[in-house]
Amino acid sequence: MTDVVEAANGREAVELFKVHEPDLVLTDWNMPEMTGLEVVQELRKLGSQIPIIMITTEAQQRQVIAAIQAGCTDYLTKPFEADFLREKLDKYNTV
């Protein structure tokens, strides 16, 4: 069984990350309190090298580049099919 921890906002995501040390992070770009981009930056500042997948409607090239430069491992634009998410998870041997 795979444990899933869900955060209500970006700030909570960072705090939960410190406690649970997950194998993978899925984050949305647009969240309350901290954006997904800020979450990625904070997790990388903590020294984490785990895969982080940004899931978002923000698909402009500059946003994709910003996410990758911040430390995102992968990017998935909404809307998407469940098979696309499965491919991303399988790519990182998760689930």
N, C-alpha and C. Protein backbone atom coordinates (compact mmCIF):
# COMPACT_ATOMS: atom_id res chain seq x y z
N MET A 1 0.84 -1.19 0.00
CA MET A 1 0.00 0.00 0.00
C MET A 1 0.88 1.25 0.00
N THR A 2 0.45 2.25 -0.71
CA THR A 2 1.18 3.49 -0.80
C THR A 2 0.48 4.54 0.06
N ASP A 3 1.22 5.20 0.91
CA ASP A 3 0.66 6.26 1.73
C ASP A 3 0.66 7.56 0.95
N VAL A 4 -0.42 8.30 1.09
CA VAL A 4 -0.54 9.60 0.44
C VAL A 4 -0.81 10.63 1.52
N VAL A 5 -0.08 11.72 1.46
CA VAL A 5 -0.27 12.83 2.39
C VAL A 5 -0.70 14.02 1.57
N GLU A 6 -1.80 14.65 1.97
CA GLU A 6 -2.34 15.77 1.22
C GLU A 6 -2.25 17.04 2.04
N ALA A 7 -1.87 18.13 1.38
CA ALA A 7 -1.78 19.44 2.04
C ALA A 7 -2.85 20.37 1.49
N ALA A 8 -3.36 21.23 2.34
CA ALA A 8 -4.39 22.19 1.95
C ALA A 8 -3.82 23.40 1.23
N ASN A 9 -2.51 23.65 1.42
CA ASN A 9 -1.88 24.81 0.78
C ASN A 9 -0.38 24.57 0.70
N GLY A 10 0.31 25.47 0.05
CA GLY A 10 1.74 25.31 -0.16
C GLY A 10 2.56 25.30 1.12
N ARG A 11 2.22 26.17 2.04
CA ARG A 11 2.96 26.24 3.31
C ARG A 11 2.82 24.93 4.08
N GLU A 12 1.60 24.41 4.12
CA GLU A 12 1.37 23.14 4.80
C GLU A 12 2.12 22.01 4.10
N ALA A 13 2.21 22.07 2.79
CA ALA A 13 2.93 21.05 2.03
C ALA A 13 4.40 20.98 2.47
N VAL A 14 5.02 22.12 2.62
CA VAL A 14 6.43 22.15 3.05
C VAL A 14 6.56 21.59 4.46
N GLU A 15 5.67 21.96 5.36
CA GLU A 15 5.73 21.46 6.73
C GLU A 15 5.50 19.95 6.78
N LEU A 16 4.53 19.45 6.03
CA LEU A 16 4.27 18.02 5.99
C LEU A 16 5.44 17.26 5.37
N PHE A 17 6.08 17.87 4.39
CA PHE A 17 7.26 17.26 3.76
C PHE A 17 8.34 16.98 4.80
N LYS A 18 8.56 17.92 5.69
CA LYS A 18 9.59 17.78 6.71
C LYS A 18 9.31 16.62 7.65
N VAL A 19 8.04 16.34 7.89
CA VAL A 19 7.64 15.28 8.82
C VAL A 19 7.59 13.91 8.13
N HIS A 20 7.05 13.87 6.93
CA HIS A 20 6.77 12.59 6.28
C HIS A 20 7.86 12.12 5.31
N GLU A 21 8.72 12.99 4.86
CA GLU A 21 9.79 12.64 3.93
C GLU A 21 9.30 11.71 2.82
N PRO A 22 8.44 12.20 1.94
CA PRO A 22 7.86 11.35 0.89
C PRO A 22 8.87 10.96 -0.18
N ASP A 23 8.47 9.99 -0.99
CA ASP A 23 9.31 9.52 -2.10
C ASP A 23 9.10 10.34 -3.36
N LEU A 24 8.00 11.10 -3.40
CA LEU A 24 7.63 11.87 -4.57
C LEU A 24 6.68 12.98 -4.14
N VAL A 25 6.77 14.13 -4.80
CA VAL A 25 5.84 15.23 -4.53
C VAL A 25 5.13 15.59 -5.82
N LEU A 26 3.78 15.68 -5.73
CA LEU A 26 2.96 16.24 -6.80
C LEU A 26 2.47 17.58 -6.28
N THR A 27 2.71 18.63 -7.03
CA THR A 27 2.27 19.95 -6.59
C THR A 27 1.60 20.69 -7.73
N ASP A 28 0.62 21.50 -7.37
CA ASP A 28 -0.02 22.37 -8.35
C ASP A 28 0.71 23.71 -8.32
N TRP A 29 0.70 24.40 -9.43
CA TRP A 29 1.35 25.71 -9.49
C TRP A 29 0.58 26.72 -8.64
N ASN A 30 -0.74 26.74 -8.79
CA ASN A 30 -1.58 27.73 -8.13
C ASN A 30 -2.17 27.16 -6.84
N MET A 31 -1.64 27.61 -5.72
CA MET A 31 -2.13 27.18 -4.41
C MET A 31 -2.14 28.38 -3.48
N PRO A 32 -2.96 28.31 -2.43
CA PRO A 32 -2.95 29.38 -1.43
C PRO A 32 -1.65 29.37 -0.61
N GLU A 33 -1.31 30.51 -0.08
CA GLU A 33 -0.20 30.74 0.84
C GLU A 33 1.19 30.62 0.22
N MET A 34 1.43 29.64 -0.61
CA MET A 34 2.69 29.51 -1.35
C MET A 34 2.34 28.88 -2.70
N THR A 35 2.93 29.37 -3.75
CA THR A 35 2.71 28.74 -5.05
C THR A 35 3.47 27.42 -5.11
N GLY A 36 3.12 26.60 -6.07
CA GLY A 36 3.86 25.36 -6.28
C GLY A 36 5.32 25.63 -6.58
N LEU A 37 5.58 26.71 -7.30
CA LEU A 37 6.96 27.09 -7.61
C LEU A 37 7.73 27.39 -6.32
N GLU A 38 7.10 28.10 -5.40
CA GLU A 38 7.74 28.40 -4.12
C GLU A 38 7.94 27.13 -3.30
N VAL A 39 6.99 26.20 -3.38
CA VAL A 39 7.13 24.92 -2.68
C VAL A 39 8.36 24.18 -3.21
N VAL A 40 8.49 24.12 -4.52
CA VAL A 40 9.65 23.45 -5.13
C VAL A 40 10.94 24.09 -4.64
N GLN A 41 10.99 25.41 -4.66
CA GLN A 41 12.19 26.12 -4.22
C GLN A 41 12.52 25.81 -2.76
N GLU A 42 11.50 25.77 -1.90
CA GLU A 42 11.73 25.48 -0.49
C GLU A 42 12.22 24.05 -0.28
N LEU A 43 11.63 23.10 -0.99
CA LEU A 43 12.05 21.70 -0.84
C LEU A 43 13.49 21.52 -1.32
N ARG A 44 13.85 22.20 -2.37
CA ARG A 44 15.24 22.10 -2.86
C ARG A 44 16.20 22.79 -1.89
N LYS A 45 15.77 23.87 -1.24
CA LYS A 45 16.61 24.52 -0.22
C LYS A 45 16.88 23.59 0.95
N LEU A 46 15.92 22.69 1.22
CA LEU A 46 16.10 21.72 2.30
C LEU A 46 17.07 20.61 1.91
N GLY A 47 17.49 20.61 0.65
CA GLY A 47 18.45 19.62 0.18
C GLY A 47 17.82 18.38 -0.41
N SER A 48 16.52 18.38 -0.55
CA SER A 48 15.84 17.20 -1.08
C SER A 48 16.08 17.05 -2.58
N GLN A 49 16.33 15.82 -2.99
CA GLN A 49 16.51 15.51 -4.40
C GLN A 49 15.40 14.61 -4.92
N ILE A 50 14.31 14.44 -4.14
CA ILE A 50 13.24 13.56 -4.58
C ILE A 50 12.55 14.13 -5.81
N PRO A 51 11.91 13.29 -6.60
CA PRO A 51 11.19 13.78 -7.77
C PRO A 51 10.02 14.68 -7.36
N ILE A 52 9.89 15.79 -8.07
CA ILE A 52 8.77 16.70 -7.87
C ILE A 52 8.13 16.92 -9.23
N ILE A 53 6.83 16.62 -9.30
CA ILE A 53 6.08 16.79 -10.54
C ILE A 53 5.11 17.95 -10.36
N MET A 54 5.24 18.94 -11.22
CA MET A 54 4.34 20.09 -11.20
C MET A 54 3.14 19.74 -12.07
N ILE A 55 1.95 19.85 -11.49
CA ILE A 55 0.71 19.61 -12.23
C ILE A 55 -0.03 20.94 -12.28
N THR A 56 -0.28 21.42 -13.50
CA THR A 56 -0.80 22.78 -13.62
C THR A 56 -1.43 23.08 -14.97
N THR A 57 -2.18 24.15 -15.01
CA THR A 57 -2.69 24.66 -16.28
C THR A 57 -1.68 25.65 -16.89
N GLU A 58 -0.68 26.02 -16.12
CA GLU A 58 0.35 26.97 -16.57
C GLU A 58 1.30 26.26 -17.54
N ALA A 59 1.05 26.41 -18.82
CA ALA A 59 1.82 25.65 -19.81
C ALA A 59 2.67 26.52 -20.73
N GLN A 60 2.75 27.81 -20.43
CA GLN A 60 3.59 28.67 -21.26
C GLN A 60 5.05 28.30 -21.05
N GLN A 61 5.83 28.44 -22.08
CA GLN A 61 7.22 28.02 -22.05
C GLN A 61 7.99 28.64 -20.89
N ARG A 62 7.73 29.91 -20.60
CA ARG A 62 8.47 30.58 -19.51
C ARG A 62 8.15 29.94 -18.16
N GLN A 63 6.91 29.47 -17.98
CA GLN A 63 6.56 28.83 -16.72
C GLN A 63 7.20 27.45 -16.59
N VAL A 64 7.21 26.72 -17.69
CA VAL A 64 7.85 25.41 -17.68
C VAL A 64 9.33 25.57 -17.36
N ILE A 65 9.97 26.53 -17.99
CA ILE A 65 11.40 26.79 -17.74
C ILE A 65 11.62 27.19 -16.29
N ALA A 66 10.76 28.06 -15.75
CA ALA A 66 10.90 28.48 -14.35
C ALA A 66 10.77 27.29 -13.41
N ALA A 67 9.84 26.40 -13.69
CA ALA A 67 9.64 25.22 -12.84
C ALA A 67 10.86 24.30 -12.88
N ILE A 68 11.38 24.08 -14.06
CA ILE A 68 12.57 23.21 -14.21
C ILE A 68 13.78 23.86 -13.53
N GLN A 69 13.95 25.16 -13.71
CA GLN A 69 15.08 25.84 -13.06
C GLN A 69 14.95 25.82 -11.55
N ALA A 70 13.73 25.83 -11.05
CA ALA A 70 13.52 25.79 -9.59
C ALA A 70 13.80 24.40 -9.02
N GLY A 71 13.77 23.39 -9.88
CA GLY A 71 14.07 22.04 -9.40
C GLY A 71 13.00 21.00 -9.65
N CYS A 72 11.97 21.36 -10.43
CA CYS A 72 10.96 20.35 -10.78
C CYS A 72 11.62 19.26 -11.61
N THR A 73 11.21 18.05 -11.35
CA THR A 73 11.73 16.91 -12.10
C THR A 73 10.93 16.69 -13.37
N ASP A 74 9.63 16.99 -13.29
CA ASP A 74 8.75 16.75 -14.42
C ASP A 74 7.58 17.72 -14.35
N TYR A 75 6.78 17.74 -15.42
CA TYR A 75 5.72 18.73 -15.57
C TYR A 75 4.54 18.04 -16.24
N LEU A 76 3.35 18.26 -15.74
CA LEU A 76 2.15 17.67 -16.31
C LEU A 76 1.08 18.74 -16.40
N THR A 77 0.60 19.01 -17.61
CA THR A 77 -0.39 20.08 -17.77
C THR A 77 -1.81 19.52 -17.73
N LYS A 78 -2.69 20.30 -17.08
CA LYS A 78 -4.10 19.95 -17.00
C LYS A 78 -4.82 20.51 -18.21
N PRO A 79 -5.86 19.87 -18.64
CA PRO A 79 -6.35 18.58 -18.19
C PRO A 79 -5.47 17.46 -18.74
N PHE A 80 -5.47 16.33 -18.07
CA PHE A 80 -4.69 15.19 -18.53
C PHE A 80 -5.47 13.91 -18.25
N GLU A 81 -5.10 12.88 -18.97
CA GLU A 81 -5.70 11.56 -18.79
C GLU A 81 -4.98 10.84 -17.65
N ALA A 82 -5.68 9.96 -16.99
CA ALA A 82 -5.09 9.20 -15.89
C ALA A 82 -3.85 8.42 -16.35
N ASP A 83 -3.87 7.97 -17.60
CA ASP A 83 -2.72 7.22 -18.12
C ASP A 83 -1.45 8.07 -18.15
N PHE A 84 -1.60 9.37 -18.41
CA PHE A 84 -0.43 10.25 -18.43
C PHE A 84 0.16 10.38 -17.02
N LEU A 85 -0.69 10.50 -16.04
CA LEU A 85 -0.20 10.55 -14.66
C LEU A 85 0.47 9.24 -14.30
N ARG A 86 -0.13 8.13 -14.66
CA ARG A 86 0.46 6.81 -14.38
C ARG A 86 1.84 6.70 -15.00
N GLU A 87 2.00 7.18 -16.23
CA GLU A 87 3.31 7.15 -16.90
C GLU A 87 4.34 7.92 -16.09
N LYS A 88 3.95 9.10 -15.60
CA LYS A 88 4.88 9.92 -14.80
C LYS A 88 5.25 9.19 -13.52
N LEU A 89 4.26 8.62 -12.85
CA LEU A 89 4.54 7.91 -11.59
C LEU A 89 5.41 6.69 -11.84
N ASP A 90 5.12 5.94 -12.89
CA ASP A 90 5.92 4.76 -13.22
C ASP A 90 7.36 5.15 -13.56
N LYS A 91 7.51 6.30 -14.18
CA LYS A 91 8.85 6.79 -14.57
C LYS A 91 9.75 6.94 -13.34
N TYR A 92 9.14 7.27 -12.21
CA TYR A 92 9.92 7.47 -10.99
C TYR A 92 9.72 6.32 -10.01
N ASN A 93 9.24 5.17 -10.53
CA ASN A 93 9.05 3.96 -9.72
C ASN A 93 8.23 4.22 -8.48
N THR A 94 7.16 4.95 -8.63
CA THR A 94 6.31 5.28 -7.52
C THR A 94 4.96 4.63 -7.71
N VAL A 95 4.36 4.17 -6.66
CA VAL A 95 3.03 3.57 -6.55
C VAL A 95 3.08 2.09 -6.65
